[in-house]
Amino acid sequence: MKNIAIIGGGPSGLFAAEVAAKLGAKVDLYDAMPSVGRKFLVAGKSGLNLTHDEPIEPFLKRYSGNGLPELLWREIIESFDNHALRKWASDLGIETFVASSGKVFPSPDEGSIKAAPLLRSWIKSLRDLGVTFHTRHKWTAFKKPNQLTFVHQGKEISVTPDATILALGGASWPQTGSTASWVNILNEHDISSTPLCSANCGWEVAWPAPILEEAEGLPLKNLSVSSGESSRHGELVITRDGLEGGPLYHLGPHIRQQQAAHITIDFKPSLGHTELVTRMGKVKRNFVREARRRWNLDPASCSILKHMPERGPWQSVEQLAREVKNCYIPLTGPRPIAEAISSAGGICWEEIDDSLMLKKIPHVYVAGEMMDWEAPTGGYLLQACFATAAHAAKHAIHAE
């Protein structure tokens, strides 16, 4: 019987513990927080989007990262795909359903979609499998060969398992335990990482005061948002600091590649320039006011058209129509990583072999957001956390 230590009590760590225990290992799971699954519960506040009911080819295209190994990544996701994740939930007594968007959620419990019932059932099943939980154990050091040092209640504790799986997450939502303190520990062993940065986050805009007075908190509906050659339909919200919304989450990797971060917005993607002009008829003045009525523009869009610097005053319907179809919004930067839904960056792929073991530290494996991959919201994040955990755990058990 192998003794497997897992550091991190998020979705990746919990699932690695499950896979390892089912394969016959003695599993000890360590977490710095007083309880496990905290980030899982945070995800559940917005409905716990477990995965996405999308065919495998478009599903795989949702992932990106510096040097992401496409063949290995395909193997990892296909080995524990969206169907497998739904069956896993069902085996825990939690049925799932596919929303009209394709997102997969647990079936409602007392009228709402919650993470807590699934987490409770999961932890009980792990205890039944013999997994031992060690909470309030902060990982502080690693010594070869495979000796782990923790601090618990002010005392230093060392353990030497047969194999270790690191599942400490990225750097978003640090209040749940994802503080990225592991970066410094691995740096001491010459494990290189791409700097962690905000992903699936809002972006900051230097809004003029009149826009905030008129439109803070208001939605920009039915947009097409573009960054370079990529675009995304959806809705954004004007915030005091900038913009939030799904299209920005999907376009984040493209925006970060720009020298001068920006997006362009098509406020009326269903209408062409010519049709917009035709609908305005013989309007010669008060262009934005008339556009709100004749083009059915929402108040937030009208506020941007009236008050963004270096736009207008509008001299013609044609000029305004061009702006509505291609409105340039400069971005001053992403929101802080502590506010982000997830983080990009992490351990470089050149440091990891095909079993997800660190090449420089034998018998130490990694799973979840610690590695340099990212994905938009929509279930893709949790899916990869589960799939990488399964892959790492299987290899940790079967390794010589």
Protein backbone atom coordinates (compact mmCIF):
# COMPACT_ATOMS: atom_id res chain seq x y z
CA MET A 1 0.00 0.00 0.00
CA LYS A 2 1.47 3.33 -1.08
CA ASN A 3 1.32 6.33 1.23
CA ILE A 4 0.24 9.36 -0.81
CA ALA A 5 0.34 12.90 0.57
CA ILE A 6 -1.87 15.47 -1.10
CA ILE A 7 -1.35 19.15 -0.34
CA GLY A 8 -4.40 21.28 -1.03
CA GLY A 9 -8.06 20.72 -0.20
CA GLY A 10 -9.66 22.28 -3.26
CA PRO A 11 -11.39 20.33 -6.05
CA SER A 12 -8.10 19.04 -7.50
CA GLY A 13 -6.78 17.85 -4.15
CA LEU A 14 -10.04 16.24 -3.11
CA PHE A 15 -10.42 14.39 -6.39
CA ALA A 16 -6.78 13.26 -6.40
CA ALA A 17 -7.42 11.87 -2.92
CA GLU A 18 -10.49 10.02 -4.16
CA VAL A 19 -8.74 8.48 -7.16
CA ALA A 20 -5.69 7.45 -5.13
CA ALA A 21 -7.76 5.95 -2.33
CA LYS A 22 -9.89 3.95 -4.76
CA LEU A 23 -6.67 2.56 -6.25
CA GLY A 24 -5.64 1.26 -2.84
CA ALA A 25 -3.39 4.02 -1.47
CA LYS A 26 -3.26 5.30 2.07
CA VAL A 27 -4.06 8.98 1.55
CA ASP A 28 -3.28 11.93 3.82
CA LEU A 29 -4.65 15.27 2.66
CA TYR A 30 -3.15 18.47 4.08
CA ASP A 31 -4.64 21.95 3.91
CA ALA A 32 -3.68 25.23 5.60
CA MET A 33 -7.30 26.28 6.17
CA PRO A 34 -9.63 25.09 8.97
CA SER A 35 -11.78 23.21 6.43
CA VAL A 36 -11.49 21.88 2.89
CA GLY A 37 -13.43 22.77 -0.25
CA ARG A 38 -13.65 26.50 0.41
CA LYS A 39 -13.08 27.56 -3.18
CA PHE A 40 -15.58 24.91 -4.29
CA LEU A 41 -18.17 26.61 -2.07
CA VAL A 42 -17.26 30.02 -3.51
CA ALA A 43 -17.85 28.65 -7.01
CA GLY A 44 -21.23 27.39 -5.82
CA LYS A 45 -22.41 30.90 -4.96
CA SER A 46 -22.99 31.50 -8.67
CA GLY A 47 -24.58 28.10 -9.24
CA LEU A 48 -21.64 25.63 -9.25
CA ASN A 49 -21.04 25.23 -12.97
CA LEU A 50 -19.43 21.77 -12.91
CA THR A 51 -18.64 21.33 -16.59
CA HIS A 52 -20.00 22.02 -20.07
CA ASP A 53 -22.01 19.73 -22.34
CA GLU A 54 -19.90 20.49 -25.40
CA PRO A 55 -18.37 18.03 -27.90
CA ILE A 56 -14.72 17.29 -27.23
CA GLU A 57 -13.22 19.24 -30.16
CA PRO A 58 -14.65 22.69 -29.31
CA PHE A 59 -14.26 21.80 -25.61
CA LEU A 60 -10.49 21.38 -25.99
CA LYS A 61 -10.19 24.68 -27.86
CA ARG A 62 -11.29 26.54 -24.73
CA TYR A 63 -7.91 25.90 -23.10
CA SER A 64 -4.72 27.87 -23.60
CA GLY A 65 -1.38 28.40 -21.89
CA ASN A 66 2.28 29.03 -22.56
CA GLY A 67 3.58 25.86 -24.19
CA LEU A 68 0.42 23.88 -23.37
CA PRO A 69 1.15 20.36 -24.73
CA GLU A 70 -1.89 19.73 -26.94
CA LEU A 71 -1.59 15.95 -27.25
CA LEU A 72 -1.03 15.42 -23.54
CA TRP A 73 -3.81 17.87 -22.67
CA ARG A 74 -6.21 16.00 -24.97
CA GLU A 75 -5.27 12.73 -23.27
CA ILE A 76 -5.86 14.23 -19.82
CA ILE A 77 -9.27 15.73 -20.62
CA GLU A 78 -10.50 12.73 -22.63
CA SER A 79 -9.51 10.35 -19.84
CA PHE A 80 -11.90 12.14 -17.47
CA ASP A 81 -14.30 14.14 -19.64
CA ASN A 82 -17.54 16.02 -19.03
CA HIS A 83 -19.59 12.80 -19.14
CA ALA A 84 -17.35 11.22 -16.52
CA LEU A 85 -17.71 14.25 -14.28
CA ARG A 86 -21.51 14.10 -14.46
CA LYS A 87 -21.43 10.38 -13.61
CA TRP A 88 -19.15 11.12 -10.66
CA ALA A 89 -21.70 13.61 -9.28
CA SER A 90 -24.50 11.11 -9.85
CA ASP A 91 -22.58 8.42 -7.94
CA LEU A 92 -22.50 10.83 -4.99
CA GLY A 93 -26.28 11.15 -5.19
CA ILE A 94 -26.26 14.53 -6.96
CA GLU A 95 -27.97 14.56 -10.34
CA THR A 96 -27.06 17.23 -12.89
CA PHE A 97 -28.81 19.03 -15.71
CA VAL A 98 -27.72 20.90 -18.83
CA ALA A 99 -28.82 24.53 -19.05
CA SER A 100 -29.77 26.16 -22.33
CA SER A 101 -26.24 27.61 -22.47
CA GLY A 102 -24.74 24.12 -22.36
CA LYS A 103 -23.43 24.64 -18.84
CA VAL A 104 -23.86 21.69 -16.47
CA PHE A 105 -25.17 22.30 -12.94
CA PRO A 106 -26.27 20.16 -9.99
CA SER A 107 -30.04 19.77 -9.90
CA PRO A 108 -31.70 22.36 -7.63
CA ASP A 109 -31.88 21.62 -3.91
CA GLU A 110 -34.85 23.30 -2.22
CA GLY A 111 -35.23 25.56 -5.22
CA SER A 112 -31.60 26.68 -5.58
CA ILE A 113 -28.39 25.27 -7.02
CA LYS A 114 -25.92 24.79 -4.18
CA ALA A 115 -22.41 23.43 -3.74
CA ALA A 116 -22.74 22.45 -0.08
CA PRO A 117 -24.81 19.24 -0.54
CA LEU A 118 -22.33 17.91 -3.10
CA LEU A 119 -19.33 18.84 -0.95
CA ARG A 120 -20.83 17.19 2.15
CA SER A 121 -21.51 13.98 0.26
CA TRP A 122 -18.03 14.09 -1.27
CA ILE A 123 -16.20 14.54 2.03
CA LYS A 124 -18.22 11.71 3.61
CA SER A 125 -17.30 9.39 0.74
CA LEU A 126 -13.62 10.32 1.12
CA ARG A 127 -13.70 9.54 4.82
CA ASP A 128 -15.39 6.22 4.04
CA LEU A 129 -12.51 5.49 1.64
CA GLY A 130 -10.05 6.03 4.49
CA VAL A 131 -8.73 9.46 3.48
CA THR A 132 -7.27 11.27 6.50
CA PHE A 133 -7.73 15.05 6.60
CA HIS A 134 -5.10 17.27 8.22
CA THR A 135 -6.47 20.83 8.35
CA ARG A 136 -4.57 23.87 9.61
CA HIS A 137 -1.38 22.33 8.21
CA LYS A 138 0.55 24.96 6.26
CA TRP A 139 3.17 23.56 3.88
CA THR A 140 6.40 25.47 4.41
CA ALA A 141 9.26 23.47 2.92
CA PHE A 142 10.32 20.50 0.85
CA LYS A 143 13.45 18.48 1.34
CA LYS A 144 14.62 15.72 -0.94
CA PRO A 145 13.86 12.90 -1.06
CA ASN A 146 10.14 13.71 -0.71
CA GLN A 147 10.20 15.06 2.86
CA LEU A 148 7.44 17.58 3.50
CA THR A 149 7.45 20.13 6.31
CA PHE A 150 4.25 21.66 7.71
CA VAL A 151 3.48 24.08 10.50
CA HIS A 152 0.50 23.06 12.64
CA GLN A 153 -0.54 25.00 15.75
CA GLY A 154 2.88 26.58 15.95
CA LYS A 155 4.77 23.30 15.71
CA GLU A 156 6.83 22.01 12.80
CA ILE A 157 5.84 18.58 11.47
CA SER A 158 7.70 16.51 8.86
CA VAL A 159 6.33 13.59 6.85
CA THR A 160 7.90 11.43 4.14
CA PRO A 161 5.27 9.81 1.90
CA ASP A 162 5.94 7.53 -1.05
CA ALA A 163 4.59 10.20 -3.40
CA THR A 164 3.17 13.71 -3.15
CA ILE A 165 0.50 15.44 -5.23
CA LEU A 166 0.56 19.23 -5.08
CA ALA A 167 -2.88 20.77 -5.64
CA LEU A 168 -2.51 24.22 -4.13
CA GLY A 169 -4.38 26.23 -6.77
CA GLY A 170 -3.45 29.55 -8.33
CA ALA A 171 -3.64 32.98 -6.72
CA SER A 172 -7.29 34.01 -7.06
CA TRP A 173 -9.58 34.14 -4.02
CA PRO A 174 -6.68 34.03 -1.52
CA GLN A 175 -9.16 34.10 1.38
CA THR A 176 -10.01 30.49 0.48
CA GLY A 177 -6.36 29.46 0.84
CA SER A 178 -5.07 29.99 -2.71
CA THR A 179 -2.18 32.27 -1.77
CA ALA A 180 0.40 30.91 -4.25
CA SER A 181 2.96 30.59 -1.45
CA TRP A 182 4.08 27.41 -3.21
CA VAL A 183 5.83 29.49 -5.89
CA ASN A 184 8.68 30.39 -3.54
CA ILE A 185 9.01 26.83 -2.24
CA LEU A 186 9.37 25.41 -5.75
CA ASN A 187 11.69 28.23 -6.82
CA GLU A 188 14.12 26.98 -4.17
CA HIS A 189 14.30 23.76 -6.19
CA ASP A 190 14.78 25.56 -9.52
CA ILE A 191 11.19 24.88 -10.67
CA SER A 192 10.34 27.76 -13.00
CA SER A 193 6.89 29.28 -13.27
CA THR A 194 5.16 31.77 -15.53
CA PRO A 195 4.11 34.67 -13.25
CA LEU A 196 0.53 34.28 -12.06
CA CYS A 197 -1.89 36.94 -13.28
CA SER A 198 -5.61 37.65 -13.30
CA ALA A 199 -7.82 35.56 -15.58
CA ASN A 200 -11.59 35.56 -15.92
CA CYS A 201 -11.62 39.05 -14.49
CA GLY A 202 -12.88 42.53 -15.12
CA TRP A 203 -10.75 45.11 -16.87
CA GLU A 204 -10.20 48.68 -15.80
CA VAL A 205 -11.32 51.68 -17.84
CA ALA A 206 -10.68 55.35 -17.03
CA TRP A 207 -14.33 56.34 -17.35
CA PRO A 208 -15.18 60.05 -17.54
CA ALA A 209 -17.26 61.20 -14.57
CA PRO A 210 -20.47 61.69 -16.60
CA ILE A 211 -20.48 58.01 -17.64
CA LEU A 212 -20.20 56.86 -14.03
CA GLU A 213 -22.91 59.29 -12.97
CA GLU A 214 -25.29 58.00 -15.64
CA ALA A 215 -24.36 54.37 -16.15
CA GLU A 216 -22.42 52.83 -13.25
CA GLY A 217 -23.91 49.40 -12.60
CA LEU A 218 -25.91 49.35 -15.83
CA PRO A 219 -25.63 46.51 -18.39
CA LEU A 220 -24.48 46.80 -21.98
CA LYS A 221 -26.71 44.22 -23.65
CA ASN A 222 -26.50 42.12 -26.82
CA LEU A 223 -22.97 43.16 -27.75
CA SER A 224 -20.23 41.72 -29.90
CA VAL A 225 -16.90 42.37 -28.17
CA SER A 226 -13.66 41.93 -30.11
CA SER A 227 -9.97 41.71 -29.33
CA GLY A 228 -7.78 41.28 -32.39
CA GLU A 229 -9.25 38.52 -34.54
CA SER A 230 -11.34 37.06 -31.72
CA SER A 231 -14.83 38.14 -30.76
CA ARG A 232 -17.53 37.14 -28.31
CA HIS A 233 -21.23 37.92 -28.03
CA GLY A 234 -22.77 38.65 -24.65
CA GLU A 235 -23.30 41.31 -22.02
CA LEU A 236 -20.98 43.61 -20.08
CA VAL A 237 -21.60 45.75 -17.00
CA ILE A 238 -20.14 49.20 -16.40
CA THR A 239 -18.45 49.33 -12.98
CA ARG A 240 -16.74 52.15 -11.15
CA ASP A 241 -13.40 50.64 -12.14
CA GLY A 242 -14.19 49.52 -15.70
CA LEU A 243 -16.05 46.60 -17.24
CA GLU A 244 -17.12 43.13 -16.12
CA GLY A 245 -18.70 40.27 -18.03
CA GLY A 246 -18.40 36.96 -19.81
CA PRO A 247 -17.04 38.27 -23.12
CA LEU A 248 -14.04 39.75 -21.29
CA TYR A 249 -13.38 36.44 -19.54
CA HIS A 250 -13.22 34.62 -22.87
CA LEU A 251 -11.10 37.32 -24.53
CA GLY A 252 -8.67 37.78 -21.61
CA PRO A 253 -5.76 35.82 -23.17
CA HIS A 254 -6.04 37.89 -26.38
CA ILE A 255 -6.27 41.20 -24.50
CA ARG A 256 -3.15 40.41 -22.46
CA GLN A 257 -1.15 39.91 -25.67
CA GLN A 258 -1.82 43.45 -26.87
CA GLN A 259 0.78 46.19 -26.47
CA ALA A 260 -2.00 48.68 -25.73
CA ALA A 261 -4.86 46.75 -24.13
CA HIS A 262 -8.26 47.53 -25.62
CA ILE A 263 -11.48 46.05 -26.94
CA THR A 264 -13.83 47.13 -29.69
CA ILE A 265 -17.57 46.90 -29.21
CA ASP A 266 -20.28 46.42 -31.81
CA PHE A 267 -23.35 47.69 -29.98
CA LYS A 268 -25.75 46.40 -32.68
CA PRO A 269 -24.27 43.17 -34.11
CA SER A 270 -27.61 42.19 -35.65
CA LEU A 271 -27.73 45.32 -37.81
CA GLY A 272 -25.33 46.44 -40.52
CA HIS A 273 -24.09 49.98 -41.03
CA THR A 274 -26.47 50.61 -43.95
CA GLU A 275 -29.53 49.44 -42.03
CA LEU A 276 -28.62 51.64 -39.07
CA VAL A 277 -28.40 54.67 -41.34
CA THR A 278 -31.70 53.80 -43.01
CA ARG A 279 -33.51 53.48 -39.67
CA MET A 280 -32.49 57.01 -38.72
CA GLY A 281 -34.31 58.45 -41.70
CA LYS A 282 -33.77 62.19 -42.07
CA VAL A 283 -32.44 62.88 -38.58
CA LYS A 284 -30.04 65.85 -38.66
CA ARG A 285 -29.43 66.50 -34.95
CA ASN A 286 -29.75 64.93 -31.48
CA PHE A 287 -28.21 61.83 -33.01
CA VAL A 288 -27.64 59.82 -29.82
CA ARG A 289 -31.10 60.57 -28.46
CA GLU A 290 -32.69 59.46 -31.73
CA ALA A 291 -30.40 56.39 -31.91
CA ARG A 292 -31.60 55.26 -28.51
CA ARG A 293 -35.14 55.10 -29.82
CA ARG A 294 -34.63 54.07 -33.45
CA TRP A 295 -31.75 51.63 -32.89
CA ASN A 296 -33.04 50.46 -29.49
CA LEU A 297 -29.77 51.29 -27.73
CA ASP A 298 -29.66 50.77 -23.96
CA PRO A 299 -28.90 53.75 -21.65
CA ALA A 300 -25.36 52.56 -20.84
CA SER A 301 -24.42 52.36 -24.54
CA CYS A 302 -25.81 55.86 -25.11
CA SER A 303 -23.78 57.20 -22.20
CA ILE A 304 -20.56 55.83 -23.73
CA LEU A 305 -21.44 57.34 -27.11
CA LYS A 306 -22.08 60.73 -25.51
CA HIS A 307 -19.20 60.98 -23.08
CA MET A 308 -16.17 58.91 -24.11
CA PRO A 309 -13.22 61.24 -24.82
CA GLU A 310 -12.32 62.12 -28.41
CA ARG A 311 -15.72 60.96 -29.72
CA GLY A 312 -18.14 63.38 -31.24
CA PRO A 313 -19.78 65.73 -31.28
CA TRP A 314 -21.42 63.60 -33.94
CA GLN A 315 -21.73 65.38 -37.28
CA SER A 316 -23.82 62.81 -39.14
CA VAL A 317 -25.80 59.61 -38.83
CA GLU A 318 -23.13 57.80 -40.86
CA GLN A 319 -20.41 58.84 -38.41
CA LEU A 320 -22.39 57.65 -35.39
CA ALA A 321 -23.27 54.37 -37.12
CA ARG A 322 -19.57 53.66 -37.70
CA GLU A 323 -18.88 54.25 -34.02
CA VAL A 324 -21.75 52.01 -32.94
CA LYS A 325 -20.36 49.18 -35.08
CA ASN A 326 -16.73 49.68 -33.98
CA CYS A 327 -16.36 51.50 -30.66
CA TYR A 328 -12.78 51.48 -29.33
CA ILE A 329 -12.48 51.16 -25.53
CA PRO A 330 -8.95 51.51 -24.09
CA LEU A 331 -8.25 49.32 -21.06
CA THR A 332 -5.77 50.36 -18.38
CA GLY A 333 -5.26 46.85 -16.95
CA PRO A 334 -6.96 43.82 -15.41
CA ARG A 335 -8.55 43.90 -11.98
CA PRO A 336 -6.36 42.59 -9.12
CA ILE A 337 -5.74 38.85 -9.04
CA ALA A 338 -7.39 38.56 -5.62
CA GLU A 339 -10.70 39.52 -7.29
CA ALA A 340 -10.29 37.27 -10.33
CA ILE A 341 -12.29 34.08 -10.79
CA SER A 342 -9.09 32.25 -11.73
CA SER A 343 -5.46 32.91 -12.52
CA ALA A 344 -3.29 32.36 -15.57
CA GLY A 345 0.34 31.28 -15.45
CA GLY A 346 1.87 28.68 -13.18
CA ILE A 347 4.48 25.93 -13.33
CA CYS A 348 6.07 25.84 -16.79
CA TRP A 349 5.25 22.77 -18.86
CA GLU A 350 8.93 22.12 -19.51
CA GLU A 351 9.23 21.32 -15.78
CA ILE A 352 6.55 18.58 -15.94
CA ASP A 353 6.63 15.16 -17.60
CA ASP A 354 3.69 13.35 -19.22
CA SER A 355 2.64 11.87 -15.87
CA LEU A 356 2.43 15.43 -14.42
CA MET A 357 5.45 14.69 -12.24
CA LEU A 358 8.04 17.39 -11.64
CA LYS A 359 11.11 16.35 -13.60
CA LYS A 360 13.50 17.76 -11.00
CA ILE A 361 11.73 16.20 -8.00
CA PRO A 362 10.82 12.53 -8.54
CA HIS A 363 7.54 11.29 -7.03
CA VAL A 364 6.11 14.81 -6.74
CA TYR A 365 3.13 15.46 -9.03
CA VAL A 366 1.04 18.55 -9.71
CA ALA A 367 -2.63 19.05 -10.50
CA GLY A 368 -5.12 21.85 -11.13
CA GLU A 369 -4.41 25.56 -11.45
CA MET A 370 -0.79 25.30 -10.33
CA MET A 371 0.15 24.51 -13.94
CA ASP A 372 0.34 27.03 -16.79
CA TRP A 373 -3.09 26.64 -18.37
CA GLU A 374 -6.24 28.71 -18.36
CA ALA A 375 -9.82 28.51 -19.56
CA PRO A 376 -12.89 30.73 -19.55
CA THR A 377 -15.77 30.26 -17.17
CA GLY A 378 -18.47 27.84 -18.25
CA GLY A 379 -17.38 24.65 -16.49
CA TYR A 380 -14.01 24.33 -18.20
CA LEU A 381 -12.04 25.31 -15.09
CA LEU A 382 -13.46 22.64 -12.80
CA GLN A 383 -13.31 20.05 -15.56
CA ALA A 384 -9.56 20.53 -15.95
CA CYS A 385 -9.03 20.50 -12.18
CA PHE A 386 -10.74 17.11 -11.94
CA ALA A 387 -9.07 15.68 -15.04
CA THR A 388 -5.52 16.69 -14.07
CA ALA A 389 -6.09 15.37 -10.56
CA ALA A 390 -7.17 11.98 -11.91
CA HIS A 391 -4.18 11.85 -14.25
CA ALA A 392 -1.66 12.75 -11.54
CA ALA A 393 -3.14 10.36 -8.98
CA LYS A 394 -3.16 7.37 -11.33
CA HIS A 395 0.46 7.91 -12.26
CA ALA A 396 1.51 8.50 -8.66
CA ILE A 397 0.03 5.12 -7.69
CA HIS A 398 1.41 3.13 -10.61
CA ALA A 399 4.90 4.67 -10.67
CA GLU A 400 7.78 2.40 -9.66
